[in-house]
N, C-alpha and C. Protein backbone atom coordinates (compact mmCIF):
# COMPACT_ATOMS: atom_id res chain seq x y z
N MET A 1 7.34 -22.78 83.21
CA MET A 1 6.81 -23.83 83.13
C MET A 1 6.57 -23.87 81.64
N LYS A 2 5.14 -22.69 81.49
CA LYS A 2 4.91 -22.29 80.36
C LYS A 2 5.88 -22.26 78.94
N LYS A 3 6.99 -21.57 79.40
CA LYS A 3 8.04 -20.95 78.60
C LYS A 3 8.42 -22.80 78.37
N ASN A 4 8.93 -23.88 78.63
CA ASN A 4 9.42 -24.61 78.50
C ASN A 4 8.48 -25.71 77.52
N ASN A 5 7.16 -25.63 77.84
CA ASN A 5 5.95 -26.69 77.41
C ASN A 5 6.07 -25.90 75.91
N SER A 6 6.22 -24.51 75.47
CA SER A 6 5.87 -23.71 74.12
C SER A 6 7.36 -23.95 73.38
N SER A 7 8.53 -24.05 74.33
CA SER A 7 9.63 -24.24 73.29
C SER A 7 9.63 -26.12 72.82
N LYS A 8 9.54 -26.95 74.00
CA LYS A 8 9.34 -27.80 73.66
C LYS A 8 8.00 -28.91 72.17
N LEU A 9 7.39 -27.91 72.27
CA LEU A 9 6.24 -28.00 71.32
C LEU A 9 6.83 -27.30 69.69
N LEU A 10 7.52 -25.96 70.22
CA LEU A 10 8.24 -25.23 68.84
C LEU A 10 9.64 -26.50 68.57
N THR A 11 10.15 -27.11 68.89
CA THR A 11 10.97 -27.73 68.41
C THR A 11 10.76 -28.83 67.66
N LEU A 12 8.84 -29.80 68.41
CA LEU A 12 8.60 -30.62 67.49
C LEU A 12 8.34 -30.39 66.58
N PHE A 13 7.29 -28.97 65.95
CA PHE A 13 6.99 -28.59 64.72
C PHE A 13 7.93 -28.92 63.86
N VAL A 14 9.58 -27.97 64.41
CA VAL A 14 10.36 -27.53 63.39
C VAL A 14 11.24 -29.40 62.79
N ILE A 15 10.85 -30.64 63.80
CA ILE A 15 11.65 -31.46 63.39
C ILE A 15 10.10 -32.31 62.69
N LEU A 16 9.08 -31.92 62.52
CA LEU A 16 7.89 -32.37 61.55
C LEU A 16 8.53 -31.45 60.38
N VAL A 17 8.52 -30.36 60.39
CA VAL A 17 8.72 -29.58 58.87
C VAL A 17 10.04 -29.83 58.62
N TYR A 18 10.80 -30.35 58.99
CA TYR A 18 12.28 -30.69 58.48
C TYR A 18 12.36 -32.68 58.14
N ILE A 19 11.01 -32.91 58.59
CA ILE A 19 10.73 -34.22 58.04
C ILE A 19 9.83 -34.30 56.73
N PHE A 20 9.05 -32.94 56.87
CA PHE A 20 8.49 -32.85 55.69
C PHE A 20 9.14 -32.33 54.38
N LEU A 21 9.89 -31.49 54.79
CA LEU A 21 11.27 -31.02 53.81
C LEU A 21 11.85 -32.01 53.10
N PHE A 22 12.65 -33.02 53.61
CA PHE A 22 13.44 -33.98 53.30
C PHE A 22 13.53 -35.31 52.96
N ALA A 23 12.31 -35.38 53.52
CA ALA A 23 11.65 -37.17 52.88
C ALA A 23 11.22 -37.68 51.65
N PRO A 24 10.70 -36.56 50.86
CA PRO A 24 10.92 -36.32 49.60
C PRO A 24 12.10 -36.57 48.86
N LEU A 25 13.26 -35.97 49.44
CA LEU A 25 14.62 -35.47 48.37
C LEU A 25 14.83 -37.15 48.71
N LEU A 26 14.92 -37.40 50.08
CA LEU A 26 15.48 -38.88 50.43
C LEU A 26 15.04 -39.66 49.68
N ILE A 27 13.94 -40.02 49.85
CA ILE A 27 12.93 -40.75 48.62
C ILE A 27 14.06 -40.93 47.00
N ILE A 28 13.31 -39.82 46.38
CA ILE A 28 14.32 -39.70 45.28
C ILE A 28 15.87 -40.26 45.22
N VAL A 29 16.44 -39.68 46.16
CA VAL A 29 17.97 -40.36 46.33
C VAL A 29 17.85 -41.55 45.98
N VAL A 30 17.18 -42.29 47.25
CA VAL A 30 16.96 -43.77 46.94
C VAL A 30 16.16 -44.53 46.20
N THR A 31 15.70 -43.93 45.38
CA THR A 31 15.19 -44.59 44.20
C THR A 31 16.00 -43.99 43.07
N ALA A 32 16.31 -42.97 42.91
CA ALA A 32 17.43 -43.19 41.44
C ALA A 32 18.77 -43.93 41.48
N PHE A 33 19.40 -45.00 42.77
CA PHE A 33 19.83 -45.61 42.60
C PHE A 33 19.31 -47.15 42.48
N GLY A 34 17.99 -47.49 41.98
CA GLY A 34 17.05 -48.60 41.57
C GLY A 34 18.01 -48.92 40.18
N SER A 35 17.86 -50.32 40.10
CA SER A 35 17.75 -51.00 39.00
C SER A 35 17.05 -51.38 38.09
N GLY A 36 15.55 -50.69 38.39
CA GLY A 36 14.52 -51.56 37.68
C GLY A 36 14.21 -50.82 36.33
N ASP A 37 12.95 -51.07 35.36
CA ASP A 37 13.00 -50.26 33.85
C ASP A 37 12.08 -48.68 34.77
N TYR A 38 11.89 -48.59 35.91
CA TYR A 38 10.59 -47.77 36.12
C TYR A 38 11.00 -47.74 37.89
N MET A 39 10.62 -46.18 38.11
CA MET A 39 11.19 -45.98 39.63
C MET A 39 9.54 -46.31 40.43
N ALA A 40 10.59 -46.93 41.87
CA ALA A 40 9.64 -48.05 42.33
C ALA A 40 10.72 -48.12 44.03
N PHE A 41 9.33 -47.97 45.17
CA PHE A 41 9.97 -47.85 46.20
C PHE A 41 9.69 -49.01 47.10
N PRO A 42 10.55 -49.54 47.62
CA PRO A 42 12.13 -49.83 47.52
C PRO A 42 12.16 -50.21 46.16
N PRO A 43 13.71 -50.06 46.49
CA PRO A 43 13.87 -50.08 44.84
C PRO A 43 14.35 -51.59 44.85
N LYS A 44 14.18 -52.77 43.88
CA LYS A 44 15.02 -54.22 44.06
C LYS A 44 16.08 -54.45 43.62
N GLY A 45 16.79 -53.40 42.88
CA GLY A 45 18.20 -53.25 43.63
C GLY A 45 19.04 -52.14 43.38
N ILE A 46 20.19 -52.44 43.67
CA ILE A 46 21.28 -51.09 43.07
C ILE A 46 21.71 -50.90 42.02
N SER A 47 21.65 -49.67 41.55
CA SER A 47 22.61 -49.68 40.12
C SER A 47 22.84 -48.59 40.19
N LEU A 48 24.05 -48.00 38.95
CA LEU A 48 24.07 -46.44 38.70
C LEU A 48 23.74 -46.43 36.68
N ARG A 49 22.87 -47.36 36.79
CA ARG A 49 22.41 -47.52 35.25
C ARG A 49 21.93 -46.85 34.55
N TRP A 50 20.92 -45.41 36.03
CA TRP A 50 20.25 -44.56 35.47
C TRP A 50 21.17 -42.60 35.52
N PHE A 51 22.37 -42.95 36.41
CA PHE A 51 23.30 -41.84 36.26
C PHE A 51 23.88 -42.25 34.88
N SER A 52 24.49 -43.14 34.28
CA SER A 52 25.13 -43.58 33.20
C SER A 52 24.07 -42.95 32.19
N VAL A 53 22.83 -43.06 32.39
CA VAL A 53 22.29 -42.93 31.15
C VAL A 53 21.81 -41.00 31.28
N VAL A 54 21.61 -40.53 32.04
CA VAL A 54 21.62 -39.41 32.46
C VAL A 54 23.34 -38.71 31.77
N PHE A 55 24.51 -38.94 31.80
CA PHE A 55 25.77 -38.54 31.79
C PHE A 55 26.03 -38.95 30.55
N LYS A 56 25.59 -39.79 29.84
CA LYS A 56 25.45 -39.81 28.40
C LYS A 56 24.59 -39.17 27.89
N SER A 57 23.41 -38.34 27.47
CA SER A 57 22.56 -37.15 27.11
C SER A 57 23.21 -36.50 26.57
N LYS A 58 23.16 -35.69 25.34
CA LYS A 58 23.89 -34.85 24.79
C LYS A 58 23.43 -33.43 25.22
N THR A 59 21.83 -33.51 25.21
CA THR A 59 21.04 -32.50 25.94
C THR A 59 21.59 -32.26 27.52
N PHE A 60 21.89 -33.09 27.99
CA PHE A 60 21.77 -32.71 29.71
C PHE A 60 23.22 -32.41 29.86
N MET A 61 24.34 -32.90 29.00
CA MET A 61 25.66 -32.59 29.14
C MET A 61 25.67 -31.16 28.57
N THR A 62 24.80 -30.63 27.25
CA THR A 62 24.89 -29.47 27.34
C THR A 62 24.27 -28.29 27.87
N THR A 63 22.96 -28.17 28.93
CA THR A 63 22.79 -27.47 29.38
C THR A 63 23.32 -27.83 30.90
N LEU A 64 24.57 -28.71 31.33
CA LEU A 64 25.32 -28.74 32.12
C LEU A 64 26.43 -27.95 32.15
N VAL A 65 26.95 -27.49 30.99
CA VAL A 65 28.11 -26.58 30.89
C VAL A 65 27.87 -25.40 30.33
N ILE A 66 26.11 -25.27 30.22
CA ILE A 66 25.78 -23.80 30.13
C ILE A 66 25.54 -23.48 31.14
N SER A 67 24.79 -24.19 32.09
CA SER A 67 24.25 -23.94 33.43
C SER A 67 25.89 -23.60 34.67
N THR A 68 26.97 -24.61 33.88
CA THR A 68 28.41 -24.32 35.01
C THR A 68 29.08 -22.52 34.47
N GLU A 69 29.10 -22.37 33.12
CA GLU A 69 29.56 -21.03 32.87
C GLU A 69 28.70 -20.04 33.41
N ILE A 70 27.56 -20.40 33.32
CA ILE A 70 26.72 -18.94 34.17
C ILE A 70 26.96 -19.12 34.85
N ALA A 71 27.33 -20.18 36.13
CA ALA A 71 27.49 -19.64 37.95
C ALA A 71 28.99 -19.22 37.97
N VAL A 72 29.71 -19.49 36.90
CA VAL A 72 31.35 -19.44 37.22
C VAL A 72 31.13 -17.79 36.58
N LEU A 73 30.23 -17.12 35.47
CA LEU A 73 30.73 -15.84 35.35
C LEU A 73 29.92 -14.99 35.87
N ASP A 74 29.01 -15.77 36.49
CA ASP A 74 28.12 -14.83 38.10
C ASP A 74 28.41 -14.71 38.90
N THR A 75 29.35 -15.90 39.58
CA THR A 75 30.66 -15.39 40.42
C THR A 75 31.08 -14.38 40.58
N VAL A 76 32.03 -14.75 39.20
CA VAL A 76 33.44 -13.53 38.84
C VAL A 76 32.19 -12.25 39.19
N ILE A 77 31.68 -11.99 38.15
CA ILE A 77 30.61 -10.92 38.83
C ILE A 77 30.58 -10.42 39.93
N ASP A 78 30.07 -10.98 40.82
CA ASP A 78 29.66 -11.03 41.98
C ASP A 78 31.04 -10.00 43.03
N LEU A 79 31.98 -11.25 42.74
CA LEU A 79 33.23 -10.80 43.72
C LEU A 79 34.12 -9.28 42.89
N ILE A 80 33.85 -9.11 41.42
CA ILE A 80 34.13 -7.91 41.34
C ILE A 80 33.12 -6.36 41.88
N ILE A 81 32.25 -6.27 41.47
CA ILE A 81 31.37 -5.95 42.39
C ILE A 81 31.28 -6.12 44.29
N GLY A 82 31.28 -7.15 44.47
CA GLY A 82 31.52 -6.80 46.11
C GLY A 82 33.18 -6.24 46.04
N VAL A 83 33.97 -6.37 46.00
CA VAL A 83 34.90 -5.91 46.22
C VAL A 83 35.64 -4.17 45.85
């Protein structure tokens, strides 16, 4: 009986940890689609406006390209070393 209670307690703890970790991510994803001029939860409408602004940013695109190049190079090096 004691093992069953501790198992339930562990399950409850794990569920609470997952909620603690994923709730902020869910809020960020939902607010990213907001149509307002500032971040608000819940958003007043749905829009892809902020994604358009980010992908038109030269700084963001340069950083994205550099990060992708580094990731690909690192993957190739890891595959060569690992094989």
